[in-house]
């Protein structure tokens, strides 16, 4: 009679089943791991392409901003150069206008002062300076104070308005000088004077108007008559 060991066959079947399940589980884990790695690689690739595109866009924007900055800097430099040119032209225009306003010039001034020096007297000019645009100072020495007064009046009354608001200051100076012939001292008196006035070449021919009740100065140009107002229409 033949005997079959069913327990041994069942044990083998169970072992095979466990081995199959273990292999299936291992395969499943490998597939899951492979899928995870593939997904990670895809994510990394997508992120690389996105980051690369963003970097390229940022570089393009940076280049555009740098181009605009360079253009603005060039425009600013051109603007500064243009402003300097405008300022230089304005300064030249001002110089020309000032020369036109004072076209009588120093030669005219010196000639006029020389013409007003008293004749037959001793008046020596030491300094002629123009302190401001129209402020003039004349320093000198004279042997007689009357000559100084005559000189100052001639400047104010005989210059057709070139010299206005003439002021005069005179101080006496006594000095002892030794005679070489007899070795004695003699007293020499001189008068140091300062004349201040307004030099107004732009008002040539337009003397200052006399104050109310004051007669026009002799030698000055008469004031132009004021035209009568037009008659009202009938």
Protein backbone atom coordinates (compact mmCIF):
# COMPACT_ATOMS: atom_id res chain seq x y z
CA UNK A 1 0.00 0.00 0.00
CA UNK A 2 1.40 3.41 -1.08
CA UNK A 3 1.48 6.30 1.47
CA UNK A 4 1.68 10.01 0.40
CA UNK A 5 3.02 12.65 2.79
CA UNK A 6 0.47 15.42 2.33
CA UNK A 7 2.04 17.63 4.99
CA UNK A 8 5.31 17.82 3.08
CA UNK A 9 3.51 18.79 -0.16
CA UNK A 10 1.53 21.45 1.64
CA UNK A 11 4.69 22.84 3.18
CA UNK A 12 6.33 23.08 -0.20
CA UNK A 13 3.30 24.80 -1.65
CA UNK A 14 3.26 27.30 1.17
CA UNK A 15 6.98 27.97 0.72
CA UNK A 16 6.54 28.52 -3.00
CA UNK A 17 3.63 30.83 -2.38
CA UNK A 18 5.67 32.84 0.11
CA UNK A 19 8.57 33.01 -2.32
CA UNK A 20 6.25 34.21 -5.07
CA UNK A 21 4.72 36.85 -2.83
CA UNK A 22 8.15 37.97 -1.69
CA UNK A 23 9.33 38.23 -5.28
CA UNK A 24 6.19 40.14 -6.24
CA UNK A 25 6.65 42.48 -3.32
CA UNK A 26 10.29 43.03 -4.21
CA UNK A 27 9.35 43.67 -7.83
CA UNK A 28 6.68 46.11 -6.70
CA UNK A 29 9.16 47.94 -4.50
CA UNK A 30 11.70 48.07 -7.32
CA UNK A 31 9.05 49.42 -9.68
CA UNK A 32 7.96 51.98 -7.09
CA UNK A 33 11.58 53.04 -6.54
CA UNK A 34 12.17 53.23 -10.29
CA UNK A 35 8.99 55.26 -10.70
CA UNK A 36 10.03 57.59 -7.92
CA UNK A 37 13.48 58.05 -9.46
CA UNK A 38 11.93 58.71 -12.87
CA UNK A 39 9.51 61.22 -11.39
CA UNK A 40 12.40 62.89 -9.56
CA UNK A 41 14.44 63.08 -12.76
CA UNK A 42 11.49 64.53 -14.63
CA UNK A 43 10.93 67.10 -11.88
CA UNK A 44 14.62 68.00 -11.87
CA UNK A 45 14.59 68.34 -15.66
CA UNK A 46 11.48 70.49 -15.65
CA UNK A 47 12.92 72.65 -12.88
CA UNK A 48 16.20 72.99 -14.83
CA UNK A 49 14.44 74.11 -17.98
CA UNK A 50 12.23 76.55 -16.03
CA UNK A 51 15.21 77.93 -14.11
CA UNK A 52 17.27 78.18 -17.30
CA UNK A 53 14.45 80.05 -19.03
CA UNK A 54 14.06 82.39 -16.04
CA UNK A 55 17.83 82.99 -15.97
CA UNK A 56 17.87 83.75 -19.67
CA UNK A 57 14.97 86.18 -19.26
CA UNK A 58 16.67 87.85 -16.31
CA UNK A 59 19.90 88.20 -18.29
CA UNK A 60 17.98 89.75 -21.19
CA UNK A 61 16.25 92.19 -18.84
CA UNK A 62 19.58 93.04 -17.21
CA UNK A 63 21.14 93.71 -20.60
CA UNK A 64 18.17 95.94 -21.54
CA UNK A 65 18.42 97.84 -18.26
CA UNK A 66 22.14 98.32 -18.76
CA UNK A 67 21.52 99.57 -22.31
CA UNK A 68 18.92 102.03 -21.05
CA UNK A 69 21.24 103.16 -18.24
CA UNK A 70 24.05 103.74 -20.74
CA UNK A 71 21.69 105.68 -23.00
CA UNK A 72 20.47 107.80 -20.07
CA UNK A 73 24.05 108.48 -19.01
CA UNK A 74 24.91 109.54 -22.55
CA UNK A 75 21.85 111.79 -22.68
CA UNK A 76 22.76 113.28 -19.30
CA UNK A 77 26.30 113.97 -20.48
CA UNK A 78 24.93 115.59 -23.64
CA UNK A 79 22.53 117.63 -21.48
CA UNK A 80 25.37 118.78 -19.19
CA UNK A 81 27.51 119.71 -22.19
CA UNK A 82 24.60 121.60 -23.74
CA UNK A 83 23.95 123.46 -20.47
CA UNK A 84 27.63 124.43 -20.30
CA UNK A 85 27.49 125.70 -23.88
CA UNK A 86 24.33 127.68 -23.11
CA UNK A 87 25.93 129.16 -19.99
CA UNK A 88 29.07 130.09 -21.96
CA UNK A 89 26.97 131.76 -24.66
CA UNK A 90 24.93 133.63 -22.03
CA UNK A 91 28.14 134.86 -20.37
CA UNK A 92 29.48 136.07 -23.74
CA UNK A 93 26.18 137.80 -24.44
CA UNK A 94 26.33 139.50 -21.02
CA UNK A 95 29.90 140.65 -21.67
CA UNK A 96 28.87 142.08 -25.04
CA UNK A 97 25.86 143.81 -23.49
CA UNK A 98 28.04 145.27 -20.72
CA UNK A 99 30.52 146.51 -23.31
CA UNK A 100 27.69 148.05 -25.28
CA UNK A 101 26.35 149.75 -22.15
CA UNK A 102 29.78 151.13 -21.30
CA UNK A 103 30.95 151.71 -24.84
CA UNK A 104 32.19 155.16 -23.82
CA UNK A 105 34.93 153.12 -22.16
CA UNK A 106 37.96 154.16 -20.09
CA UNK A 107 39.42 156.29 -22.89
CA UNK A 108 36.28 158.42 -23.04
CA UNK A 109 36.29 158.64 -19.24
CA UNK A 110 39.93 159.72 -19.01
CA UNK A 111 39.56 162.19 -21.86
CA UNK A 112 36.55 163.78 -20.19
CA UNK A 113 38.28 164.02 -16.79
CA UNK A 114 41.36 165.53 -18.42
CA UNK A 115 39.20 168.07 -20.26
CA UNK A 116 37.62 169.19 -16.99
CA UNK A 117 40.92 169.85 -15.20
CA UNK A 118 41.24 173.58 -14.40
CA UNK A 119 43.53 175.50 -16.73
CA UNK A 120 46.35 177.56 -15.31
CA UNK A 121 46.40 175.71 -12.00
CA UNK A 122 48.18 172.84 -10.36
CA UNK A 123 45.89 169.83 -9.92
CA UNK A 124 47.56 166.43 -9.92
CA UNK A 125 45.49 163.25 -10.12
CA UNK A 126 46.84 160.23 -8.25
CA UNK A 127 44.17 157.53 -8.48
CA UNK A 128 41.10 157.02 -10.64
CA UNK A 129 39.23 153.86 -9.71
CA UNK A 130 35.83 152.45 -10.49
CA UNK A 131 34.71 150.73 -7.29
CA UNK A 132 31.42 149.36 -8.58
CA UNK A 133 29.58 149.34 -11.87
CA UNK A 134 28.84 153.09 -11.75
CA UNK A 135 30.77 154.29 -8.67
CA UNK A 136 33.89 156.35 -9.47
CA UNK A 137 36.52 157.75 -7.11
CA UNK A 138 39.16 160.33 -8.05
CA UNK A 139 42.04 161.06 -5.66
CA UNK A 140 44.49 163.91 -6.19
CA UNK A 141 46.45 166.86 -4.81
CA UNK A 142 46.04 170.55 -5.61
CA UNK A 143 47.78 173.74 -4.59
CA UNK A 144 44.52 175.62 -4.20
CA UNK A 145 41.16 174.33 -2.86
CA UNK A 146 39.31 176.63 -5.26
CA UNK A 147 40.79 174.68 -8.16
CA UNK A 148 39.43 171.47 -6.65
CA UNK A 149 35.94 172.97 -6.35
CA UNK A 150 36.15 174.18 -9.94
CA UNK A 151 37.21 170.71 -11.07
CA UNK A 152 34.32 169.02 -9.21
CA UNK A 153 31.76 171.49 -10.57
CA UNK A 154 33.08 171.00 -14.08
CA UNK A 155 32.63 167.26 -13.78
CA UNK A 156 29.04 167.52 -12.57
CA UNK A 157 27.78 170.46 -14.65
CA UNK A 158 29.71 170.07 -17.85
CA UNK A 159 29.56 166.35 -18.59
CA UNK A 160 26.03 166.08 -20.03
CA UNK A 161 25.03 163.65 -17.33
CA UNK A 162 28.07 161.38 -17.46
CA UNK A 163 28.96 162.31 -13.86
CA UNK A 164 26.13 162.53 -11.36
CA UNK A 165 25.91 162.98 -7.57
CA UNK A 166 29.41 164.43 -7.30
CA UNK A 167 30.80 164.54 -3.76
CA UNK A 168 33.99 166.34 -2.67
CA UNK A 169 36.27 165.92 0.33
CA UNK A 170 39.34 168.17 0.81
CA UNK A 171 41.98 168.03 3.53
CA UNK A 172 44.87 170.45 4.05
CA UNK A 173 48.41 169.13 4.33
CA UNK A 174 51.35 171.22 5.56
CA UNK A 175 54.86 169.99 4.88
CA UNK A 176 58.24 171.50 5.65
CA UNK A 177 60.71 171.37 2.79
CA UNK A 178 64.37 172.26 3.16
CA UNK A 179 65.80 174.85 0.78
CA UNK A 180 68.99 173.58 -0.81
CA UNK A 181 70.36 177.09 -1.35
CA UNK A 182 70.30 178.49 2.20
CA UNK A 183 69.56 175.29 4.15
CA UNK A 184 66.36 176.71 5.66
CA UNK A 185 62.91 175.16 5.97
CA UNK A 186 59.91 176.49 4.14
CA UNK A 187 56.29 175.52 4.66
CA UNK A 188 54.48 174.05 1.67
CA UNK A 189 50.70 173.69 1.84
CA UNK A 190 48.81 171.30 -0.45
CA UNK A 191 45.25 170.10 -0.51
CA UNK A 192 44.51 166.41 -0.83
CA UNK A 193 41.07 165.78 -2.30
CA UNK A 194 38.76 162.89 -3.03
CA UNK A 195 35.91 163.17 -5.50
CA UNK A 196 33.20 160.50 -5.51
CA UNK A 197 30.63 160.39 -8.28
CA UNK A 198 28.39 158.11 -10.32
CA UNK A 199 29.76 157.47 -13.79
CA UNK A 200 26.75 156.74 -16.02
CA UNK A 201 27.74 156.36 -19.67
CA UNK A 202 24.34 154.86 -20.50
CA UNK A 203 22.71 158.17 -19.57
CA UNK A 204 24.79 160.37 -21.87
CA UNK A 205 22.69 163.30 -22.94
CA UNK A 206 20.20 162.66 -20.11
CA UNK A 207 21.35 164.77 -17.13
CA UNK A 208 19.66 164.24 -13.82
CA UNK A 209 16.45 166.21 -13.47
CA UNK A 210 16.73 169.21 -11.05
CA UNK A 211 14.85 169.07 -7.80
CA UNK A 212 11.53 170.86 -7.44
CA UNK A 213 12.03 174.63 -7.46
CA UNK A 214 15.68 174.29 -8.58
CA UNK A 215 16.89 175.93 -11.78
CA UNK A 216 18.67 173.73 -14.30
CA UNK A 217 22.42 173.83 -13.94
CA UNK A 218 24.22 176.06 -16.48
CA UNK A 219 25.63 174.10 -19.38
CA UNK A 220 23.18 171.24 -18.92
CA UNK A 221 20.79 170.22 -21.68
CA UNK A 222 17.29 171.66 -21.29
CA UNK A 223 14.57 169.22 -20.42
CA UNK A 224 12.36 168.17 -23.31
CA UNK A 225 8.87 169.68 -23.15
CA UNK A 226 6.08 167.33 -22.15
CA UNK A 227 3.62 166.97 -25.05
CA UNK A 228 0.07 168.10 -24.33
CA UNK A 229 -2.54 165.35 -24.14
CA UNK A 230 -4.67 164.93 -27.31
CA UNK A 231 -7.95 166.76 -27.39
CA UNK A 232 -11.06 164.73 -26.74
CA UNK A 233 -13.04 163.99 -29.91
CA UNK A 234 -16.21 166.02 -30.35
